Protein backbone atom coordinates (compact mmCIF):
# COMPACT_ATOMS: atom_id res chain seq x y z
CA UNK A 1 47.51 276.99 110.54
CA UNK A 2 49.45 274.05 109.15
CA UNK A 3 51.92 274.87 106.41
CA UNK A 4 51.56 272.89 103.15
CA UNK A 5 55.29 272.16 103.34
CA UNK A 6 54.46 269.33 105.74
CA UNK A 7 53.29 267.36 102.72
CA UNK A 8 56.79 267.10 101.25
CA UNK A 9 58.69 266.15 104.35
CA UNK A 10 59.13 262.56 103.19
CA UNK A 11 61.50 261.90 100.32
CA UNK A 12 60.07 258.76 98.75
CA UNK A 13 57.28 259.14 96.18
CA UNK A 14 56.62 255.45 95.68
CA UNK A 15 53.65 253.46 96.88
CA UNK A 16 54.03 249.70 97.19
CA UNK A 17 51.16 248.14 95.32
CA UNK A 18 50.16 245.16 93.20
CA UNK A 19 47.99 244.67 90.14
CA UNK A 20 47.89 248.30 89.07
CA UNK A 21 45.22 249.29 86.58
CA UNK A 22 45.60 253.07 86.44
CA UNK A 23 43.01 255.42 84.98
CA UNK A 24 42.51 259.18 85.18
CA UNK A 25 38.86 260.04 85.52
CA UNK A 26 39.20 263.57 84.16
CA UNK A 27 42.75 264.03 82.86
CA UNK A 28 42.31 267.69 81.90
CA UNK A 29 41.38 268.65 85.43
CA UNK A 30 44.81 268.05 86.98
CA UNK A 31 48.46 268.31 86.09
CA UNK A 32 51.32 266.77 88.04
CA UNK A 33 54.62 268.59 88.51
CA UNK A 34 56.97 266.26 90.39
CA UNK A 35 55.34 265.79 93.77
CA UNK A 36 53.04 268.79 93.30
CA UNK A 37 49.58 268.63 91.69
CA UNK A 38 47.92 271.72 90.22
CA UNK A 39 44.14 271.37 90.19
CA UNK A 40 41.45 273.56 88.67
CA UNK A 41 38.34 274.28 90.71
CA UNK A 42 36.43 276.41 88.23
CA UNK A 43 37.79 279.74 89.41
CA UNK A 44 41.55 279.25 89.69
CA UNK A 45 44.36 276.80 90.29
CA UNK A 46 45.22 275.19 93.60
CA UNK A 47 48.71 273.74 93.90
CA UNK A 48 49.09 271.22 96.71
CA UNK A 49 50.88 267.99 97.47
CA UNK A 50 49.62 264.66 96.27
CA UNK A 51 46.62 263.32 98.20
CA UNK A 52 46.11 259.55 98.37
CA UNK A 53 42.71 258.13 99.31
CA UNK A 54 43.02 254.43 100.12
CA UNK A 55 39.76 252.58 99.50
CA UNK A 56 36.67 253.49 97.46
CA UNK A 57 34.08 252.28 99.93
CA UNK A 58 31.56 254.60 101.56
CA UNK A 59 34.14 256.67 103.44
CA UNK A 60 36.81 256.81 100.73
CA UNK A 61 34.32 257.67 97.99
CA UNK A 62 32.85 260.47 100.09
CA UNK A 63 36.31 261.80 100.95
CA UNK A 64 37.39 261.86 97.30
CA UNK A 65 34.21 263.73 96.38
CA UNK A 66 34.82 266.36 99.06
CA UNK A 67 38.41 266.85 97.86
CA UNK A 68 37.18 267.33 94.31
CA UNK A 69 34.58 269.86 95.51
CA UNK A 70 37.41 271.80 97.15
CA UNK A 71 39.22 272.03 93.82
CA UNK A 72 41.88 269.52 94.79
CA UNK A 73 43.03 266.42 92.97
CA UNK A 74 43.45 263.06 94.63
CA UNK A 75 44.49 259.53 93.74
CA UNK A 76 41.70 257.13 94.69
CA UNK A 77 43.11 253.62 95.20
CA UNK A 78 40.71 250.65 95.12
CA UNK A 79 41.95 247.07 95.06
CA UNK A 80 38.76 245.56 93.67
CA UNK A 81 38.49 243.82 91.20
CA UNK A 82 42.24 243.12 91.18
CA UNK A 83 41.72 241.58 94.61
CA UNK A 84 38.30 240.89 96.03
CA UNK A 85 37.32 240.69 99.70
CA UNK A 86 35.42 237.92 101.45
CA UNK A 87 32.17 239.91 101.34
CA UNK A 88 32.17 242.14 98.25
CA UNK A 89 30.66 240.88 95.01
CA UNK A 90 31.38 243.68 92.52
CA UNK A 91 34.02 246.26 91.58
CA UNK A 92 31.63 249.17 92.20
CA UNK A 93 32.49 251.96 94.61
CA UNK A 94 30.59 252.17 97.91
CA UNK A 95 29.16 248.67 97.55
CA UNK A 96 26.83 247.85 100.44
CA UNK A 97 27.70 244.34 101.59
CA UNK A 98 25.37 243.86 104.58
CA UNK A 99 21.96 245.51 104.70
CA UNK A 100 20.56 247.91 102.10
CA UNK A 101 19.26 250.23 104.81
CA UNK A 102 20.79 253.55 105.82
CA UNK A 103 18.57 253.48 108.91
CA UNK A 104 15.81 255.81 110.04
CA UNK A 105 15.00 258.96 108.12
CA UNK A 106 12.25 260.00 110.51
CA UNK A 107 12.76 263.57 111.78
CA UNK A 108 14.25 264.01 115.25
CA UNK A 109 15.99 260.65 115.35
CA UNK A 110 19.76 260.45 115.76
CA UNK A 111 20.21 258.71 112.42
CA UNK A 112 18.07 261.31 110.64
CA UNK A 113 20.07 264.13 112.25
CA UNK A 114 23.35 262.69 110.98
CA UNK A 115 21.95 262.33 107.45
CA UNK A 116 20.47 265.83 107.60
CA UNK A 117 23.89 267.27 108.42
CA UNK A 118 25.52 265.27 105.63
CA UNK A 119 22.98 266.59 103.13
CA UNK A 120 23.72 270.15 104.22
CA UNK A 121 27.43 269.57 103.62
CA UNK A 122 26.99 268.24 100.10
CA UNK A 123 27.39 264.49 100.67
CA UNK A 124 27.67 262.45 97.49
CA UNK A 125 26.33 259.35 99.22
CA UNK A 126 23.19 261.16 100.34
CA UNK A 127 22.55 262.31 96.75
CA UNK A 128 23.07 258.76 95.50
CA UNK A 129 20.71 257.39 98.16
CA UNK A 130 17.89 259.59 96.89
CA UNK A 131 18.50 258.31 93.34
CA UNK A 132 18.54 254.68 94.50
CA UNK A 133 15.69 254.78 97.07
CA UNK A 134 13.33 251.85 97.51
CA UNK A 135 10.41 251.58 99.97
CA UNK A 136 11.60 250.84 103.49
CA UNK A 137 9.13 252.13 106.04
CA UNK A 138 10.68 254.98 108.03
CA UNK A 139 14.19 253.91 106.95
CA UNK A 140 16.19 255.25 104.00
CA UNK A 141 16.70 252.05 102.01
CA UNK A 142 18.34 251.78 98.61
CA UNK A 143 18.81 249.55 95.61
CA UNK A 144 22.43 248.70 96.33
CA UNK A 145 23.37 248.23 92.65
CA UNK A 146 21.93 251.62 91.65
CA UNK A 147 23.53 253.24 94.69
CA UNK A 148 27.03 251.93 93.87
CA UNK A 149 26.67 252.68 90.16
CA UNK A 150 25.65 256.28 90.90
CA UNK A 151 28.64 256.89 93.16
CA UNK A 152 31.06 255.15 90.78
CA UNK A 153 29.86 257.25 87.83
CA UNK A 154 30.08 260.46 89.87
CA UNK A 155 33.69 259.82 90.87
CA UNK A 156 34.71 258.69 87.40
CA UNK A 157 33.64 262.12 86.17
CA UNK A 158 34.74 264.20 89.17
CA UNK A 159 37.41 266.83 88.39
CA UNK A 160 40.83 265.88 89.70
CA UNK A 161 39.98 262.34 90.84
CA UNK A 162 42.43 259.80 89.44
CA UNK A 163 41.32 256.21 89.95
CA UNK A 164 43.85 253.43 90.38
CA UNK A 165 42.65 249.85 90.60
CA UNK A 166 45.39 248.34 92.73
CA UNK A 167 46.13 246.79 96.09
CA UNK A 168 48.13 249.15 98.28
CA UNK A 169 50.47 247.26 100.59
CA UNK A 170 51.71 250.06 102.85
CA UNK A 171 50.97 253.64 103.86
CA UNK A 172 52.27 255.87 101.02
CA UNK A 173 55.29 257.92 102.07
CA UNK A 174 54.49 260.93 99.89
CA UNK A 175 51.81 263.56 100.43
CA UNK A 176 48.62 263.45 102.43
CA UNK A 177 47.11 260.00 102.99
CA UNK A 178 43.49 259.26 103.88
CA UNK A 179 43.05 255.64 104.96
CA UNK A 180 39.51 254.41 104.33
CA UNK A 181 40.12 250.77 103.50
CA UNK A 182 37.23 249.55 105.58
CA UNK A 183 36.68 246.60 107.88
CA UNK A 184 37.98 244.16 105.25
CA UNK A 185 41.37 245.80 104.87
CA UNK A 186 43.75 243.32 103.23
CA UNK A 187 46.10 241.46 105.55
CA UNK A 188 49.27 243.07 104.19
CA UNK A 189 47.97 246.62 104.57
CA UNK A 190 46.39 245.90 107.96
CA UNK A 191 49.77 244.66 109.20
CA UNK A 192 51.44 247.76 107.73
CA UNK A 193 48.92 250.00 109.51
CA UNK A 194 49.61 248.19 112.80
CA UNK A 195 53.35 248.78 112.36
CA UNK A 196 52.82 252.37 111.25
CA UNK A 197 50.62 253.24 114.23
CA UNK A 198 52.66 251.21 116.69
CA UNK A 199 49.61 249.32 117.89
CA UNK A 200 47.94 245.96 117.54
CA UNK A 201 44.90 245.66 115.33
CA UNK A 202 41.48 245.43 116.88
CA UNK A 203 38.58 243.58 115.33
CA UNK A 204 35.15 242.12 115.82
CA UNK A 205 32.94 239.87 113.73
CA UNK A 206 30.08 241.14 111.59
CA UNK A 207 27.49 239.22 109.58
CA UNK A 208 25.45 239.55 106.39
CA UNK A 209 21.72 238.84 106.00
CA UNK A 210 20.31 236.44 103.39
CA UNK A 211 18.43 237.62 100.27
CA UNK A 212 15.56 235.70 98.64
CA UNK A 213 14.04 235.81 95.15
CA UNK A 214 10.72 237.67 95.35
CA UNK A 215 9.07 235.18 92.99
CA UNK A 216 9.72 232.33 95.44
CA UNK A 217 7.83 233.93 98.35
CA UNK A 218 4.39 232.43 99.05
CA UNK A 219 2.33 235.64 99.18
CA UNK A 220 -0.69 233.79 100.60
CA UNK A 221 1.16 233.33 103.90
CA UNK A 222 2.65 236.82 104.32
CA UNK A 223 1.18 240.29 104.59
CA UNK A 224 2.42 243.75 103.66
CA UNK A 225 2.71 246.34 106.42
CA UNK A 226 5.09 248.81 108.03
CA UNK A 227 5.61 248.58 111.78
CA UNK A 228 3.14 250.91 113.54
CA UNK A 229 2.21 252.13 110.07
CA UNK A 230 5.38 254.21 109.86
CA UNK A 231 6.60 254.82 106.33
CA UNK A 232 8.32 257.73 104.60
CA UNK A 233 5.98 257.25 101.65
CA UNK A 234 2.94 256.15 103.65
CA UNK A 235 2.99 252.63 102.20
CA UNK A 236 3.08 249.05 103.46
CA UNK A 237 6.80 248.65 102.82
CA UNK A 238 7.65 245.27 104.36
CA UNK A 239 6.47 241.73 103.74
CA UNK A 240 5.77 240.11 107.11
CA UNK A 241 5.99 236.37 107.80
CA UNK A 242 3.91 235.55 110.92
CA UNK A 243 4.77 232.59 113.18
CA UNK A 244 2.59 231.07 115.88
CA UNK A 245 4.11 229.79 119.13
CA UNK A 246 4.65 226.24 117.85
CA UNK A 247 6.34 227.47 114.66
CA UNK A 248 8.54 229.85 116.63
CA UNK A 249 9.70 227.15 119.07
CA UNK A 250 10.53 224.79 116.18
CA UNK A 251 12.48 227.56 114.48
CA UNK A 252 14.54 228.32 117.59
CA UNK A 253 15.33 224.61 118.02
CA UNK A 254 16.51 224.43 114.40
CA UNK A 255 18.71 227.53 114.77
CA UNK A 256 20.35 226.16 117.90
CA UNK A 257 21.03 222.82 116.23
CA UNK A 258 22.35 224.29 112.95
CA UNK A 259 25.95 223.74 111.87
CA UNK A 260 28.17 226.83 111.80
CA UNK A 261 30.14 227.67 108.68
CA UNK A 262 33.91 227.69 108.75
CA UNK A 263 35.41 231.19 109.01
CA UNK A 264 36.56 232.88 105.80
CA UNK A 265 39.97 233.67 107.28
CA UNK A 266 42.12 230.73 108.37
CA UNK A 267 43.45 232.24 111.57
CA UNK A 268 39.99 233.09 112.93
CA UNK A 269 39.84 230.03 115.15
CA UNK A 270 38.19 232.12 117.88
CA UNK A 271 34.86 231.65 116.13
CA UNK A 272 34.75 227.97 117.07
CA UNK A 273 36.46 228.43 120.42
CA UNK A 274 33.72 230.59 121.89
CA UNK A 275 35.87 233.73 121.97
CA UNK A 276 34.18 235.59 119.12
CA UNK A 277 33.93 239.37 119.70
CA UNK A 278 30.63 240.25 118.04
CA UNK A 279 29.34 243.77 117.45
CA UNK A 280 26.32 243.91 119.77
CA UNK A 281 24.13 245.84 117.31
CA UNK A 282 24.57 243.21 114.60
CA UNK A 283 24.46 239.83 116.32
CA UNK A 284 23.94 236.61 114.34
CA UNK A 285 20.60 234.94 115.01
CA UNK A 286 22.40 231.90 116.46
CA UNK A 287 24.07 234.07 119.09
CA UNK A 288 20.72 235.67 119.94
CA UNK A 289 19.09 232.24 120.27
CA UNK A 290 21.87 231.07 122.59
CA UNK A 291 21.15 233.99 124.90
CA UNK A 292 17.60 232.76 125.56
CA UNK A 293 14.64 231.27 123.75
CA UNK A 294 12.70 234.53 123.78
CA UNK A 295 15.61 236.74 122.68
CA UNK A 296 14.81 236.49 118.96
CA UNK A 297 11.19 237.44 119.69
CA UNK A 298 12.40 240.65 121.30
CA UNK A 299 14.90 241.25 118.50
CA UNK A 300 14.60 240.68 114.74
CA UNK A 301 11.44 238.58 115.16
CA UNK A 302 9.52 241.01 117.37
CA UNK A 303 5.80 241.12 116.45
CA UNK A 304 4.90 244.47 118.02
CA UNK A 305 3.31 247.13 115.83
CA UNK A 306 2.17 244.60 113.22
CA UNK A 307 -1.40 243.29 112.88
CA UNK A 308 -2.56 240.91 110.18
CA UNK A 309 -5.04 242.78 107.97
CA UNK A 310 -8.53 241.36 107.84
CA UNK A 311 -8.23 239.00 110.79
CA UNK A 312 -6.67 241.53 113.18
CA UNK A 313 -4.55 238.73 114.65
CA UNK A 314 -1.21 239.45 116.31
CA UNK A 315 1.43 236.84 115.59
CA UNK A 316 3.64 235.28 118.26
CA UNK A 317 6.69 236.28 116.19
CA UNK A 318 7.28 237.90 112.80
CA UNK A 319 10.10 237.85 110.27
CA UNK A 320 10.24 241.00 108.13
CA UNK A 321 11.35 241.01 104.50
CA UNK A 322 12.65 244.30 103.08
CA UNK A 323 12.74 245.18 99.39
CA UNK A 324 16.27 245.00 97.95
CA UNK A 325 15.92 246.54 94.49
CA UNK A 326 13.83 249.19 92.75
CA UNK A 327 12.30 246.39 90.65
CA UNK A 328 11.18 244.62 93.86
CA UNK A 329 12.55 241.33 92.53
CA UNK A 330 14.37 240.39 95.73
CA UNK A 331 13.99 240.82 99.50
CA UNK A 332 16.38 240.53 102.43
CA UNK A 333 15.53 238.98 105.79
CA UNK A 334 15.79 241.93 108.16
CA UNK A 335 18.17 241.29 111.05
CA UNK A 336 18.82 237.67 109.99
CA UNK A 337 22.59 237.89 109.69
CA UNK A 338 24.08 234.51 110.53
CA UNK A 339 27.04 232.22 110.02
CA UNK A 340 25.31 228.87 109.47
CA UNK A 341 26.45 226.67 106.62
CA UNK A 342 24.57 227.27 103.37
CA UNK A 343 22.73 223.92 103.53
CA UNK A 344 21.74 224.66 107.13
CA UNK A 345 20.45 228.12 106.17
CA UNK A 346 18.37 226.67 103.36
CA UNK A 347 16.84 224.11 105.72
CA UNK A 348 16.29 226.41 108.73
CA UNK A 349 15.07 229.54 106.95
CA UNK A 350 12.56 227.52 104.92
CA UNK A 351 10.77 226.84 108.24
CA UNK A 352 9.57 230.46 108.12
CA UNK A 353 5.97 230.68 106.80
CA UNK A 354 6.00 231.98 103.23
CA UNK A 355 9.59 230.88 102.65
CA UNK A 356 8.99 227.12 102.40
CA UNK A 357 10.19 227.16 98.78
CA UNK A 358 12.44 230.21 98.98
CA UNK A 359 15.18 230.57 96.38
CA UNK A 360 18.16 232.22 98.05
CA UNK A 361 20.09 234.73 95.95
CA UNK A 362 22.58 235.24 98.77
CA UNK A 363 23.12 233.34 101.98
CA UNK A 364 24.16 234.90 105.26
CA UNK A 365 27.89 235.15 105.87
CA UNK A 366 30.28 236.26 108.56
CA UNK A 367 33.32 238.46 108.11
CA UNK A 368 36.00 240.04 110.23
CA UNK A 369 35.99 243.82 110.79
CA UNK A 370 39.33 245.51 111.44
CA UNK A 371 39.61 248.90 113.14
CA UNK A 372 42.19 251.00 114.96
CA UNK A 373 42.12 252.26 118.54
CA UNK A 374 41.06 255.77 117.51
CA UNK A 375 41.06 257.44 120.97
CA UNK A 376 44.73 256.55 121.43
CA UNK A 377 45.79 257.39 117.89
CA UNK A 378 43.71 260.21 116.35
CA UNK A 379 43.32 263.95 116.81
CA UNK A 380 39.86 265.59 116.73
CA UNK A 381 40.54 266.17 112.99
CA UNK A 382 40.91 262.39 112.45
CA UNK A 383 44.68 262.73 111.90
CA UNK A 384 47.27 260.40 113.34
CA UNK A 385 48.82 262.06 116.36
CA UNK A 386 52.17 260.60 115.36
CA UNK A 387 51.92 261.70 111.70
CA UNK A 388 49.38 264.48 111.02
CA UNK A 389 49.50 264.01 107.23
CA UNK A 390 47.69 260.66 107.67
CA UNK A 391 43.92 260.62 108.23
CA UNK A 392 41.59 257.70 109.01
CA UNK A 393 37.91 257.42 108.08
CA UNK A 394 35.16 254.82 107.86
CA UNK A 395 34.86 251.58 109.76
CA UNK A 396 38.61 251.17 110.10
CA UNK A 397 38.55 254.35 112.21
CA UNK A 398 36.22 252.66 114.68
CA UNK A 399 32.70 253.69 113.70
CA UNK A 400 30.02 251.15 112.89
CA UNK A 401 27.34 251.67 110.25
CA UNK A 402 26.95 252.91 106.71
CA UNK A 403 26.00 256.50 107.50
CA UNK A 404 28.68 256.77 110.18
CA UNK A 405 31.27 255.64 107.63
CA UNK A 406 30.01 258.23 105.14
CA UNK A 407 30.16 260.87 107.88
CA UNK A 408 33.79 260.23 108.83
CA UNK A 409 34.73 260.12 105.14
CA UNK A 410 33.13 263.50 104.56
CA UNK A 411 34.84 265.02 107.59
CA UNK A 412 38.25 263.50 106.85
CA UNK A 413 37.98 264.70 103.26
CA UNK A 414 37.25 268.24 104.44
CA UNK A 415 40.10 268.12 106.95
CA UNK A 416 42.53 266.80 104.34
CA UNK A 417 41.47 269.57 101.96
CA UNK A 418 42.12 272.19 104.64
CA UNK A 419 45.56 270.73 105.36
CA UNK A 420 46.45 270.73 101.65
CA UNK A 421 45.33 274.35 101.28
CA UNK A 422 47.14 275.51 104.41
CA UNK A 423 43.89 276.41 106.16
CA UNK A 424 42.82 275.72 109.75
CA UNK A 425 41.32 272.30 110.41
CA UNK A 426 37.95 273.11 111.99
CA UNK A 427 36.15 270.17 113.65
CA UNK A 428 32.39 270.47 113.65
CA UNK A 429 30.66 271.71 116.83
CA UNK A 430 30.24 269.18 119.61
CA UNK A 431 26.47 269.85 119.58
CA UNK A 432 26.14 268.39 116.06
CA UNK A 433 25.83 264.70 115.28
CA UNK A 434 28.99 264.90 113.14
CA UNK A 435 30.89 266.66 115.92
CA UNK A 436 29.69 264.20 118.56
CA UNK A 437 30.60 261.19 116.44
CA UNK A 438 34.13 262.54 115.99
CA UNK A 439 34.31 263.39 119.68
CA UNK A 440 33.47 259.79 120.58
CA UNK A 441 36.13 258.47 118.20
CA UNK A 442 38.83 260.62 119.70
CA UNK A 443 37.79 260.89 123.36
CA UNK A 444 36.39 257.46 124.32
CA UNK A 445 38.18 255.23 126.82
CA UNK A 446 41.08 253.80 124.79
CA UNK A 447 41.40 250.78 127.09
CA UNK A 448 37.84 249.62 126.46
CA UNK A 449 37.18 251.06 123.02
CA UNK A 450 34.29 249.64 120.99
CA UNK A 451 32.92 250.82 117.62
CA UNK A 452 29.76 252.91 117.86
CA UNK A 453 26.72 253.92 115.83
CA UNK A 454 25.35 257.43 116.11
CA UNK A 455 22.97 257.72 119.07
CA UNK A 456 21.62 260.50 121.24
CA UNK A 457 23.88 259.21 124.01
CA UNK A 458 26.85 260.56 122.02
CA UNK A 459 25.43 264.09 121.83
CA UNK A 460 25.65 266.59 124.72
CA UNK A 461 23.05 265.96 127.41
CA UNK A 462 20.33 268.48 128.15
CA UNK A 463 20.50 270.50 131.35
CA UNK A 464 19.10 268.71 134.41
CA UNK A 465 16.25 271.20 134.83
CA UNK A 466 15.13 270.72 131.20
CA UNK A 467 15.49 266.94 131.46
CA UNK A 468 13.22 266.97 134.51
CA UNK A 469 10.70 269.12 132.67
CA UNK A 470 10.70 266.73 129.70
CA UNK A 471 11.17 263.50 131.68
CA UNK A 472 7.91 262.04 130.31
CA UNK A 473 8.41 263.47 126.82
CA UNK A 474 11.14 261.48 125.07
CA UNK A 475 10.24 262.83 121.58
CA UNK A 476 10.43 266.33 123.06
CA UNK A 477 13.92 265.68 124.46
CA UNK A 478 15.13 264.35 121.12
CA UNK A 479 13.57 267.28 119.25
CA UNK A 480 15.41 269.74 121.49
CA UNK A 481 18.76 267.97 120.95
CA UNK A 482 18.14 268.11 117.19
CA UNK A 483 17.17 271.79 117.36
CA UNK A 484 20.40 272.61 119.15
CA UNK A 485 22.42 270.57 116.66
CA UNK A 486 20.90 272.41 113.72
CA UNK A 487 21.53 275.77 115.35
CA UNK A 488 25.17 274.82 115.93
CA UNK A 489 25.47 273.76 112.28
CA UNK A 490 23.93 277.06 111.17
CA UNK A 491 26.56 278.93 113.16
CA UNK A 492 29.38 276.72 111.86
CA UNK A 493 28.36 277.24 108.23
CA UNK A 494 27.94 280.95 108.82
CA UNK A 495 31.55 281.11 109.96
CA UNK A 496 32.72 279.02 106.98
CA UNK A 497 31.84 281.41 104.16
CA UNK A 498 35.45 281.41 102.97
CA UNK A 499 35.59 277.61 102.93
CA UNK A 500 35.58 276.25 99.36
CA UNK A 501 33.39 273.39 100.59
CA UNK A 502 30.80 275.67 102.20
CA UNK A 503 29.25 276.81 98.93
CA UNK A 504 27.92 274.93 95.94
CA UNK A 505 30.32 274.17 93.12
CA UNK A 506 27.55 273.80 90.55
CA UNK A 507 26.33 271.00 88.35
CA UNK A 508 29.80 269.47 88.11
CA UNK A 509 29.26 268.23 91.63
CA UNK A 510 25.77 266.87 91.41
CA UNK A 511 25.65 263.09 91.42
CA UNK A 512 24.52 261.70 88.05
CA UNK A 513 20.99 260.29 87.89
């Protein structure tokens, strides 16, 4: 057990910041006494040290929600709109800047398992996703504006959550600190984190897909369908733009000849020097095209599982458009993240059948993702080894993906709550998706560390005899891994009956609809 006294071991109570716009979301829910904060959880008062949550993205928002559920106050720092990033467009919490998809929600997939566990643990983001859902085949896709607004409203009304719109320039020296500033952490704070952890920053480049106005799509040249007919709601959730061989070859030529945009950050000269470290699961279409003329056709333009209705024809390649909003007034080009100049994008993407007159609401962009070397720096409870009062969560901790960021935010929030309450920090079982994701973060090879999405490869392997028995039954293998994960979660929750986060805290902690 960690004594709460660890929270007060630093003398300074100041946090270097700029542009402060302070606001208490629910001022009657918390009272500050010096460096101590008394918070009401509906049944009594908890007195604990100040808890700072840096960043109100997916991870930080989830962490703040979990702290509020535990009856603890926290200060949620968010620099937007005082200072915007290269990719964000609003001041809303948990703004989705790349895709609007939270990946597959089909049972017995790794992504579904992670979301299932988050739902069981009372995730705010999962509640908001249900409110903001739009059709997306077998994926959980959301209206990003509704999603962010739902989470922002929930945290503005959450007991004990004090919101400060400010840029934090260094790790606060007082209380518990949960760093969830995301891949676009400001330069000053990123440098401070590097000094604080005694390590150099790591980074890779990520990209954003374009969005088109639905009214500008030529519906006579596209067809509605979900790949292999898979859809959560049983509908034809995507618009599909079919290309024949000649059209595909012309498109590849245009992509390869397109001019690249200048990087958003001045010192990112690597992008033009051929030393760009991309995240392999989110490669720009130009990089895919450079790897071979057929690469796009086996990637975002793959035609498999899609047949044109009526004619029964199978296209040589297909570009899928996914609904962006609940009003269906805009669509994004699935997997078409890129870093071409805006004029080049307009010219090249209009070669796609159905998009000849497309009006682009957002062009593709490229941005730099910063993360720490988690295996060398973090404990299994996502604490800094060198300073256990500091936690890391979200993409800056070294995960990749929306749901993975939510997951580490939820876990770090629970761990921070346990530390504040003087309770044991209990990592989730290794057999669960949450436990395996954390295990990867803290046990991967530190010398060759790369961010990761949740995948069955991260979960414990089945016994050799069972793998041989199911060697021709991949769905059966995945179902068994999921069954074991759920059993491990059942046992974990059964042992957590005294945990304030293990039981519902009532309507006060239901996301507003």
